[in-house]
Amino acid sequence: MDAVKNFAWSTVATAPSPATTGTSLTVTAGEGARYPVVPFNASVFPAGTMPTPANAEIVRVTARTTDVLTITRTQEGSSARAIGVGDQIAAAITAKTLTDLDLGFANPMTTLGDIITAGGSGTPSRLAIGATNAVLTVVGGVPVWATAITLSTTTPTITLNKSASGQGASIYAQTAGLTRWLLLLGDSTAESGANAGSNLAIYAYTDAGAFLSVPFSITRADLTNPIGILAGGLNRGIQVGAPDSGGSGFRMLRVSN
């Protein structure tokens, strides 16, 4: 795409020779700097008028030395005209300007959910929508859809950040879209102070994906209380206490309920 610049306008001080075919003209002294970096297209038309197909010619400026412009004639389907001293020459918007914008970003998407990515040269490229529950990841510097997430880096970390108290931070395990297990790394129990709330729990679900039980839980507020375990249909508690009198370094394991 050609460069553009505001107020890129001047008048012809020295006309091309011959006037209808010459390939060099000079604009008003000091005004050559108004134009953008070459190459660019410009319209040449009489002073005091607006450009029309009958009175204007589009030229391509291929070089500029101070105020001297080197031009290629009859661009974009325009006709040659006798360019004279005092004519206006403006690097304004032409059809090519808009066509360049169009070609610079051809929409490659074809399907709902497609993503546009940059190809090797920056050209827009289509990444087709992924499968259900697929996640977007990067492999070899290229974005791809994946059915599993692998973190391969120094000290890999996953953070589940709840925005407020009373919310759950959850990880689900499913079979064919039906939940089997739910790991709650902070349940929806409100955080009311003294380390209360956001407790850890594991939920079990039926073959139909319905809630079944909470076979394992830990209360965050008081870790000296039993860890809740559901076994044999009864709630049990395991409490790890201080070393007993008979064994230095060993701790008691007490099953309650």
C-alpha atoms as a PDB file:
ATOM      1  CA  MET A   1       0.000   0.000   0.000  1.00  0.00           C
ATOM      2  CA  ASP A   2       1.238   3.478  -0.864  1.00  0.00           C
ATOM      3  CA  ALA A   3       2.197   5.929   1.857  1.00  0.00           C
ATOM      4  CA  VAL A   4      -0.224   8.783   2.556  1.00  0.00           C
ATOM      5  CA  LYS A   5       0.127  12.284   3.938  1.00  0.00           C
ATOM      6  CA  ASN A   6      -2.238  15.110   4.827  1.00  0.00           C
ATOM      7  CA  PHE A   7      -2.340  18.280   2.662  1.00  0.00           C
ATOM      8  CA  ALA A   8      -0.209  16.679  -0.063  1.00  0.00           C
ATOM      9  CA  TRP A   9      -1.068  19.416  -2.605  1.00  0.00           C
ATOM     10  CA  SER A  10       0.816  21.940  -4.698  1.00  0.00           C
ATOM     11  CA  THR A  11       0.784  23.552  -8.137  1.00  0.00           C
ATOM     12  CA  VAL A  12       2.895  22.908 -11.222  1.00  0.00           C
ATOM     13  CA  ALA A  13       5.761  25.384 -11.574  1.00  0.00           C
ATOM     14  CA  THR A  14       7.462  23.688 -14.535  1.00  0.00           C
ATOM     15  CA  ALA A  15       5.277  21.583 -16.825  1.00  0.00           C
ATOM     16  CA  PRO A  16       6.297  18.272 -18.412  1.00  0.00           C
ATOM     17  CA  SER A  17       7.699  18.374 -21.908  1.00  0.00           C
ATOM     18  CA  PRO A  18       5.900  17.362 -24.045  1.00  0.00           C
ATOM     19  CA  ALA A  19       2.869  18.437 -22.000  1.00  0.00           C
ATOM     20  CA  THR A  20       0.855  15.268 -22.724  1.00  0.00           C
ATOM     21  CA  THR A  21       3.650  12.694 -22.455  1.00  0.00           C
ATOM     22  CA  GLY A  22       6.496  14.230 -20.454  1.00  0.00           C
ATOM     23  CA  THR A  23       7.566  12.273 -17.340  1.00  0.00           C
ATOM     24  CA  SER A  24       8.923  15.033 -15.105  1.00  0.00           C
ATOM     25  CA  LEU A  25       7.413  18.153 -13.558  1.00  0.00           C
ATOM     26  CA  THR A  26       8.344  20.662 -10.889  1.00  0.00           C
ATOM     27  CA  VAL A  27       5.979  21.891  -8.177  1.00  0.00           C
ATOM     28  CA  THR A  28       6.058  25.228  -6.343  1.00  0.00           C
ATOM     29  CA  ALA A  29       9.395  25.797  -4.602  1.00  0.00           C
ATOM     30  CA  GLY A  30       9.578  24.243  -1.130  1.00  0.00           C
ATOM     31  CA  GLU A  31       6.315  22.321  -1.504  1.00  0.00           C
ATOM     32  CA  GLY A  32       7.726  19.003  -2.703  1.00  0.00           C
ATOM     33  CA  ALA A  33       8.106  18.027   0.957  1.00  0.00           C
ATOM     34  CA  ARG A  34       4.326  18.079   1.324  1.00  0.00           C
ATOM     35  CA  TYR A  35       4.061  14.775  -0.547  1.00  0.00           C
ATOM     36  CA  PRO A  36       4.374  11.288   0.973  1.00  0.00           C
ATOM     37  CA  VAL A  37       7.227   8.889   0.401  1.00  0.00           C
ATOM     38  CA  VAL A  38       7.234   7.615  -3.195  1.00  0.00           C
ATOM     39  CA  PRO A  39       5.677   5.826  -4.925  1.00  0.00           C
ATOM     40  CA  PHE A  40       2.158   7.240  -4.796  1.00  0.00           C
ATOM     41  CA  ASN A  41      -0.618   8.279  -7.180  1.00  0.00           C
ATOM     42  CA  ALA A  42      -1.657  11.913  -7.646  1.00  0.00           C
ATOM     43  CA  SER A  43      -4.365  13.728  -9.586  1.00  0.00           C
ATOM     44  CA  VAL A  44      -3.402  16.618 -11.870  1.00  0.00           C
ATOM     45  CA  PHE A  45      -6.177  19.057 -12.901  1.00  0.00           C
ATOM     46  CA  PRO A  46      -6.669  22.752 -13.768  1.00  0.00           C
ATOM     47  CA  ALA A  47      -6.550  25.482 -11.146  1.00  0.00           C
ATOM     48  CA  GLY A  48      -9.835  26.697  -9.738  1.00  0.00           C
ATOM     49  CA  THR A  49     -11.731  23.497 -10.578  1.00  0.00           C
ATOM     50  CA  MET A  50     -12.526  20.103  -9.127  1.00  0.00           C
ATOM     51  CA  PRO A  51     -11.094  17.035 -10.891  1.00  0.00           C
ATOM     52  CA  THR A  52     -13.393  15.233 -13.335  1.00  0.00           C
ATOM     53  CA  PRO A  53     -12.776  12.485 -15.920  1.00  0.00           C
ATOM     54  CA  ALA A  54     -12.733  15.179 -18.597  1.00  0.00           C
ATOM     55  CA  ASN A  55     -10.168  17.545 -17.045  1.00  0.00           C
ATOM     56  CA  ALA A  56      -7.928  15.417 -14.792  1.00  0.00           C
ATOM     57  CA  GLU A  57      -5.192  12.835 -15.200  1.00  0.00           C
ATOM     58  CA  ILE A  58      -3.907  10.457 -12.533  1.00  0.00           C
ATOM     59  CA  VAL A  59      -0.132  10.034 -12.556  1.00  0.00           C
ATOM     60  CA  ARG A  60       2.142   7.807 -10.515  1.00  0.00           C
ATOM     61  CA  VAL A  61       4.988   9.618  -8.799  1.00  0.00           C
ATOM     62  CA  THR A  62       7.919   7.209  -8.768  1.00  0.00           C
ATOM     63  CA  ALA A  63      10.666   9.561  -7.564  1.00  0.00           C
ATOM     64  CA  ARG A  64      11.066  12.990  -5.976  1.00  0.00           C
ATOM     65  CA  THR A  65      14.141  15.196  -5.809  1.00  0.00           C
ATOM     66  CA  THR A  66      13.261  18.257  -3.716  1.00  0.00           C
ATOM     67  CA  ASP A  67      10.455  19.780  -5.828  1.00  0.00           C
ATOM     68  CA  VAL A  68      10.981  17.716  -8.998  1.00  0.00           C
ATOM     69  CA  LEU A  69       8.606  14.763  -9.436  1.00  0.00           C
ATOM     70  CA  THR A  70       9.196  11.868 -11.816  1.00  0.00           C
ATOM     71  CA  ILE A  71       5.855  10.571 -13.053  1.00  0.00           C
ATOM     72  CA  THR A  72       4.278   7.731 -15.020  1.00  0.00           C
ATOM     73  CA  ARG A  73       1.290   8.952 -17.019  1.00  0.00           C
ATOM     74  CA  THR A  74      -2.368   7.866 -17.431  1.00  0.00           C
ATOM     75  CA  GLN A  75      -2.838   5.754 -14.318  1.00  0.00           C
ATOM     76  CA  GLU A  76      -6.055   4.069 -13.104  1.00  0.00           C
ATOM     77  CA  GLY A  77      -7.786   4.376 -16.479  1.00  0.00           C
ATOM     78  CA  SER A  78      -7.369   8.142 -16.745  1.00  0.00           C
ATOM     79  CA  SER A  79      -6.613   9.878 -20.061  1.00  0.00           C
ATOM     80  CA  ALA A  80      -3.564  11.992 -20.912  1.00  0.00           C
ATOM     81  CA  ARG A  81      -4.009  15.732 -20.820  1.00  0.00           C
ATOM     82  CA  ALA A  82      -1.727  18.671 -21.462  1.00  0.00           C
ATOM     83  CA  ILE A  83      -0.344  19.443 -18.015  1.00  0.00           C
ATOM     84  CA  GLY A  84       0.465  23.141 -17.742  1.00  0.00           C
ATOM     85  CA  VAL A  85       1.993  25.615 -15.319  1.00  0.00           C
ATOM     86  CA  GLY A  86      -0.443  26.485 -12.555  1.00  0.00           C
ATOM     87  CA  ASP A  87      -2.249  23.124 -12.641  1.00  0.00           C
ATOM     88  CA  GLN A  88      -3.012  21.545  -9.278  1.00  0.00           C
ATOM     89  CA  ILE A  89      -1.381  18.242  -8.327  1.00  0.00           C
ATOM     90  CA  ALA A  90      -2.818  16.479  -5.275  1.00  0.00           C
ATOM     91  CA  ALA A  91      -1.925  13.123  -3.723  1.00  0.00           C
ATOM     92  CA  ALA A  92      -5.535  12.576  -2.689  1.00  0.00           C
ATOM     93  CA  ILE A  93      -7.616   9.419  -2.351  1.00  0.00           C
ATOM     94  CA  THR A  94      -8.107   7.510  -5.590  1.00  0.00           C
ATOM     95  CA  ALA A  95      -9.684   4.143  -6.354  1.00  0.00           C
ATOM     96  CA  LYS A  96      -6.259   2.508  -5.892  1.00  0.00           C
ATOM     97  CA  THR A  97      -6.069   3.804  -2.317  1.00  0.00           C
ATOM     98  CA  LEU A  98      -9.243   1.980  -1.346  1.00  0.00           C
ATOM     99  CA  THR A  99      -8.406  -1.107  -3.410  1.00  0.00           C
ATOM    100  CA  ASP A 100      -5.079  -1.385  -1.610  1.00  0.00           C
ATOM    101  CA  LEU A 101      -6.873  -1.286   1.721  1.00  0.00           C
ATOM    102  CA  ASP A 102      -9.201  -4.040   0.527  1.00  0.00           C
ATOM    103  CA  LEU A 103      -6.398  -6.292  -0.686  1.00  0.00           C
ATOM    104  CA  GLY A 104      -4.394  -5.627   2.448  1.00  0.00           C
ATOM    105  CA  PHE A 105      -6.982  -7.447   4.535  1.00  0.00           C
ATOM    106  CA  ALA A 106      -8.857 -10.102   2.612  1.00  0.00           C
ATOM    107  CA  ASN A 107     -11.174 -11.800   5.100  1.00  0.00           C
ATOM    108  CA  PRO A 108     -10.207 -15.513   5.149  1.00  0.00           C
ATOM    109  CA  MET A 109     -12.987 -16.642   7.504  1.00  0.00           C
ATOM    110  CA  THR A 110     -15.670 -19.010   6.213  1.00  0.00           C
ATOM    111  CA  THR A 111     -17.366 -20.506   9.280  1.00  0.00           C
ATOM    112  CA  LEU A 112     -18.925 -19.181  12.481  1.00  0.00           C
ATOM    113  CA  GLY A 113     -16.245 -19.251  15.187  1.00  0.00           C
ATOM    114  CA  ASP A 114     -13.221 -19.079  12.857  1.00  0.00           C
ATOM    115  CA  ILE A 115     -10.253 -17.019  14.069  1.00  0.00           C
ATOM    116  CA  ILE A 116      -7.952 -14.799  12.005  1.00  0.00           C
ATOM    117  CA  THR A 117      -4.241 -15.313  12.648  1.00  0.00           C
ATOM    118  CA  ALA A 118      -1.146 -13.859  10.999  1.00  0.00           C
ATOM    119  CA  GLY A 119       0.698 -16.008   8.492  1.00  0.00           C
ATOM    120  CA  GLY A 120       4.463 -16.060   8.146  1.00  0.00           C
ATOM    121  CA  SER A 121       4.497 -12.775   6.212  1.00  0.00           C
ATOM    122  CA  GLY A 122       1.714 -11.208   8.260  1.00  0.00           C
ATOM    123  CA  THR A 123      -0.967 -12.147   5.727  1.00  0.00           C
ATOM    124  CA  PRO A 124      -4.316 -12.892   7.396  1.00  0.00           C
ATOM    125  CA  SER A 125      -4.874 -16.627   7.717  1.00  0.00           C
ATOM    126  CA  ARG A 126      -7.890 -18.684   8.822  1.00  0.00           C
ATOM    127  CA  LEU A 127      -7.743 -20.880  11.915  1.00  0.00           C
ATOM    128  CA  ALA A 128     -10.891 -23.006  11.722  1.00  0.00           C
ATOM    129  CA  ILE A 129     -13.083 -23.240  14.794  1.00  0.00           C
ATOM    130  CA  GLY A 130     -11.957 -25.989  17.165  1.00  0.00           C
ATOM    131  CA  ALA A 131     -13.904 -28.985  18.419  1.00  0.00           C
ATOM    132  CA  THR A 132     -16.244 -28.784  21.416  1.00  0.00           C
ATOM    133  CA  ASN A 133     -14.279 -28.108  24.638  1.00  0.00           C
ATOM    134  CA  ALA A 134     -11.020 -27.628  22.710  1.00  0.00           C
ATOM    135  CA  VAL A 135      -8.628 -25.013  24.053  1.00  0.00           C
ATOM    136  CA  LEU A 136      -6.397 -22.622  22.135  1.00  0.00           C
ATOM    137  CA  THR A 137      -2.708 -23.124  22.777  1.00  0.00           C
ATOM    138  CA  VAL A 138       0.616 -22.431  21.047  1.00  0.00           C
ATOM    139  CA  VAL A 139       2.885 -25.111  19.550  1.00  0.00           C
ATOM    140  CA  GLY A 140       6.130 -24.051  17.900  1.00  0.00           C
ATOM    141  CA  GLY A 141       5.045 -20.423  17.886  1.00  0.00           C
ATOM    142  CA  VAL A 142       1.788 -21.205  16.068  1.00  0.00           C
ATOM    143  CA  PRO A 143      -1.710 -21.069  17.645  1.00  0.00           C
ATOM    144  CA  VAL A 144      -3.488 -24.445  17.495  1.00  0.00           C
ATOM    145  CA  TRP A 145      -6.534 -26.108  19.026  1.00  0.00           C
ATOM    146  CA  ALA A 146      -5.848 -28.845  21.551  1.00  0.00           C
ATOM    147  CA  THR A 147      -7.951 -31.286  23.585  1.00  0.00           C
ATOM    148  CA  ALA A 148      -5.511 -31.180  26.497  1.00  0.00           C
ATOM    149  CA  ILE A 149      -3.448 -28.475  28.144  1.00  0.00           C
ATOM    150  CA  THR A 150       0.251 -29.076  28.736  1.00  0.00           C
ATOM    151  CA  LEU A 151       2.283 -26.457  30.577  1.00  0.00           C
ATOM    152  CA  SER A 152       5.922 -26.951  29.720  1.00  0.00           C
ATOM    153  CA  THR A 153       7.948 -24.178  31.281  1.00  0.00           C
ATOM    154  CA  THR A 154       9.889 -23.280  34.399  1.00  0.00           C
ATOM    155  CA  THR A 155       7.624 -23.484  37.464  1.00  0.00           C
ATOM    156  CA  PRO A 156       4.342 -24.026  35.559  1.00  0.00           C
ATOM    157  CA  THR A 157       1.349 -22.533  37.369  1.00  0.00           C
ATOM    158  CA  ILE A 158      -2.436 -22.611  37.024  1.00  0.00           C
ATOM    159  CA  THR A 159      -4.371 -20.016  38.998  1.00  0.00           C
ATOM    160  CA  LEU A 160      -8.119 -20.124  39.675  1.00  0.00           C
ATOM    161  CA  ASN A 161      -8.910 -16.603  40.867  1.00  0.00           C
ATOM    162  CA  LYS A 162     -12.397 -16.114  42.330  1.00  0.00           C
ATOM    163  CA  SER A 163     -13.589 -12.543  41.969  1.00  0.00           C
ATOM    164  CA  ALA A 164     -15.389 -12.504  45.327  1.00  0.00           C
ATOM    165  CA  SER A 165     -16.279 -14.501  48.457  1.00  0.00           C
ATOM    166  CA  GLY A 166     -19.131 -16.988  48.099  1.00  0.00           C
ATOM    167  CA  GLN A 167     -17.978 -18.303  44.728  1.00  0.00           C
ATOM    168  CA  GLY A 168     -16.479 -21.692  43.901  1.00  0.00           C
ATOM    169  CA  ALA A 169     -13.203 -22.469  42.118  1.00  0.00           C
ATOM    170  CA  SER A 170     -13.877 -25.722  40.296  1.00  0.00           C
ATOM    171  CA  ILE A 171     -12.199 -28.376  38.144  1.00  0.00           C
ATOM    172  CA  TYR A 172     -14.515 -30.951  36.515  1.00  0.00           C
ATOM    173  CA  ALA A 173     -13.766 -34.445  35.229  1.00  0.00           C
ATOM    174  CA  GLN A 174     -16.338 -35.806  32.776  1.00  0.00           C
ATOM    175  CA  THR A 175     -17.158 -38.822  30.622  1.00  0.00           C
ATOM    176  CA  ALA A 176     -18.917 -38.022  27.346  1.00  0.00           C
ATOM    177  CA  GLY A 177     -19.950 -34.662  28.775  1.00  0.00           C
ATOM    178  CA  LEU A 178     -21.348 -36.109  32.032  1.00  0.00           C
ATOM    179  CA  THR A 179     -19.650 -35.067  35.261  1.00  0.00           C
ATOM    180  CA  ARG A 180     -17.985 -37.796  37.309  1.00  0.00           C
ATOM    181  CA  TRP A 181     -15.889 -35.784  39.778  1.00  0.00           C
ATOM    182  CA  LEU A 182     -15.674 -32.170  40.849  1.00  0.00           C
ATOM    183  CA  LEU A 183     -12.609 -30.810  42.623  1.00  0.00           C
ATOM    184  CA  LEU A 184     -13.492 -27.646  44.525  1.00  0.00           C
ATOM    185  CA  LEU A 185     -10.334 -25.711  45.315  1.00  0.00           C
ATOM    186  CA  GLY A 186     -12.339 -23.328  47.457  1.00  0.00           C
ATOM    187  CA  ASP A 187     -16.093 -23.930  47.698  1.00  0.00           C
ATOM    188  CA  SER A 188     -18.832 -21.287  47.826  1.00  0.00           C
ATOM    189  CA  THR A 189     -18.887 -21.103  51.635  1.00  0.00           C
ATOM    190  CA  ALA A 190     -18.581 -17.385  52.359  1.00  0.00           C
ATOM    191  CA  GLU A 191     -15.287 -16.078  53.762  1.00  0.00           C
ATOM    192  CA  SER A 192     -16.406 -14.477  57.016  1.00  0.00           C
ATOM    193  CA  GLY A 193     -13.021 -14.002  58.671  1.00  0.00           C
ATOM    194  CA  ALA A 194     -10.710 -16.153  60.822  1.00  0.00           C
ATOM    195  CA  ASN A 195      -9.876 -18.249  57.713  1.00  0.00           C
ATOM    196  CA  ALA A 196     -13.485 -19.393  57.342  1.00  0.00           C
ATOM    197  CA  GLY A 197     -14.941 -20.291  53.940  1.00  0.00           C
ATOM    198  CA  SER A 198     -13.467 -21.389  50.605  1.00  0.00           C
ATOM    199  CA  ASN A 199     -13.072 -24.955  51.815  1.00  0.00           C
ATOM    200  CA  LEU A 200     -11.620 -27.811  49.791  1.00  0.00           C
ATOM    201  CA  ALA A 201     -13.910 -30.643  48.684  1.00  0.00           C
ATOM    202  CA  ILE A 202     -14.247 -33.484  46.194  1.00  0.00           C
ATOM    203  CA  TYR A 203     -17.767 -34.176  44.878  1.00  0.00           C
ATOM    204  CA  ALA A 204     -18.849 -37.469  43.289  1.00  0.00           C
ATOM    205  CA  TYR A 205     -21.547 -37.779  40.611  1.00  0.00           C
ATOM    206  CA  THR A 206     -23.760 -40.577  39.280  1.00  0.00           C
ATOM    207  CA  ASP A 207     -23.594 -42.197  35.840  1.00  0.00           C
ATOM    208  CA  ALA A 208     -26.239 -39.687  34.766  1.00  0.00           C
ATOM    209  CA  GLY A 209     -24.079 -36.776  35.935  1.00  0.00           C
ATOM    210  CA  ALA A 210     -26.194 -35.975  38.999  1.00  0.00           C
ATOM    211  CA  PHE A 211     -24.648 -35.004  42.340  1.00  0.00           C
ATOM    212  CA  LEU A 212     -24.002 -38.082  44.498  1.00  0.00           C
ATOM    213  CA  SER A 213     -21.945 -37.196  47.576  1.00  0.00           C
ATOM    214  CA  VAL A 214     -18.979 -35.337  49.075  1.00  0.00           C
ATOM    215  CA  PRO A 215     -16.567 -38.192  49.831  1.00  0.00           C
ATOM    216  CA  PHE A 216     -13.701 -35.897  50.869  1.00  0.00           C
ATOM    217  CA  SER A 217     -13.504 -32.400  52.367  1.00  0.00           C
ATOM    218  CA  ILE A 218     -11.126 -30.206  54.350  1.00  0.00           C
ATOM    219  CA  THR A 219     -12.243 -27.178  56.370  1.00  0.00           C
ATOM    220  CA  ARG A 220      -9.810 -24.306  55.862  1.00  0.00           C
ATOM    221  CA  ALA A 221     -10.618 -22.487  59.096  1.00  0.00           C
ATOM    222  CA  ASP A 222      -9.398 -25.184  61.478  1.00  0.00           C
ATOM    223  CA  LEU A 223      -7.061 -27.800  60.078  1.00  0.00           C
ATOM    224  CA  THR A 224      -6.878 -29.503  63.505  1.00  0.00           C
ATOM    225  CA  ASN A 225     -10.464 -30.682  62.969  1.00  0.00           C
ATOM    226  CA  PRO A 226     -11.012 -34.005  61.190  1.00  0.00           C
ATOM    227  CA  ILE A 227     -10.732 -34.328  57.469  1.00  0.00           C
ATOM    228  CA  GLY A 228     -14.175 -35.425  56.345  1.00  0.00           C
ATOM    229  CA  ILE A 229     -14.335 -38.766  54.547  1.00  0.00           C
ATOM    230  CA  LEU A 230     -17.439 -40.646  53.404  1.00  0.00           C
ATOM    231  CA  ALA A 231     -16.855 -44.400  53.670  1.00  0.00           C
ATOM    232  CA  GLY A 232     -19.328 -47.263  53.823  1.00  0.00           C
ATOM    233  CA  GLY A 233     -22.220 -44.831  53.723  1.00  0.00           C
ATOM    234  CA  LEU A 234     -21.094 -43.162  56.959  1.00  0.00           C
ATOM    235  CA  ASN A 235     -19.287 -39.904  57.492  1.00  0.00           C
ATOM    236  CA  ARG A 236     -15.900 -40.537  59.061  1.00  0.00           C
ATOM    237  CA  GLY A 237     -13.231 -38.166  60.299  1.00  0.00           C
ATOM    238  CA  ILE A 238      -9.474 -38.503  60.346  1.00  0.00           C
ATOM    239  CA  GLN A 239      -7.512 -36.294  62.706  1.00  0.00           C
ATOM    240  CA  VAL A 240      -3.752 -36.092  62.855  1.00  0.00           C
ATOM    241  CA  GLY A 241      -2.617 -35.208  66.387  1.00  0.00           C
ATOM    242  CA  ALA A 242       0.619 -34.612  68.307  1.00  0.00           C
ATOM    243  CA  PRO A 243       3.242 -37.372  68.767  1.00  0.00           C
ATOM    244  CA  ASP A 244       2.086 -39.966  71.284  1.00  0.00           C
ATOM    245  CA  SER A 245       4.146 -40.799  74.320  1.00  0.00           C
ATOM    246  CA  GLY A 246       5.554 -43.935  72.773  1.00  0.00           C
ATOM    247  CA  GLY A 247       7.178 -42.692  69.631  1.00  0.00           C
ATOM    248  CA  SER A 248       9.164 -39.569  69.029  1.00  0.00           C
ATOM    249  CA  GLY A 249       8.457 -38.177  65.588  1.00  0.00           C
ATOM    250  CA  PHE A 250       5.298 -40.254  65.072  1.00  0.00           C
ATOM    251  CA  ARG A 251       1.820 -38.807  65.071  1.00  0.00           C
ATOM    252  CA  MET A 252      -1.471 -40.295  66.093  1.00  0.00           C
ATOM    253  CA  LEU A 253      -4.148 -41.022  63.502  1.00  0.00           C
ATOM    254  CA  ARG A 254      -7.620 -40.961  65.035  1.00  0.00           C
ATOM    255  CA  VAL A 255     -10.773 -42.096  63.242  1.00  0.00           C
ATOM    256  CA  SER A 256     -13.925 -40.507  64.669  1.00  0.00           C
ATOM    257  CA  ASN A 257     -17.675 -41.016  64.206  1.00  0.00           C
END
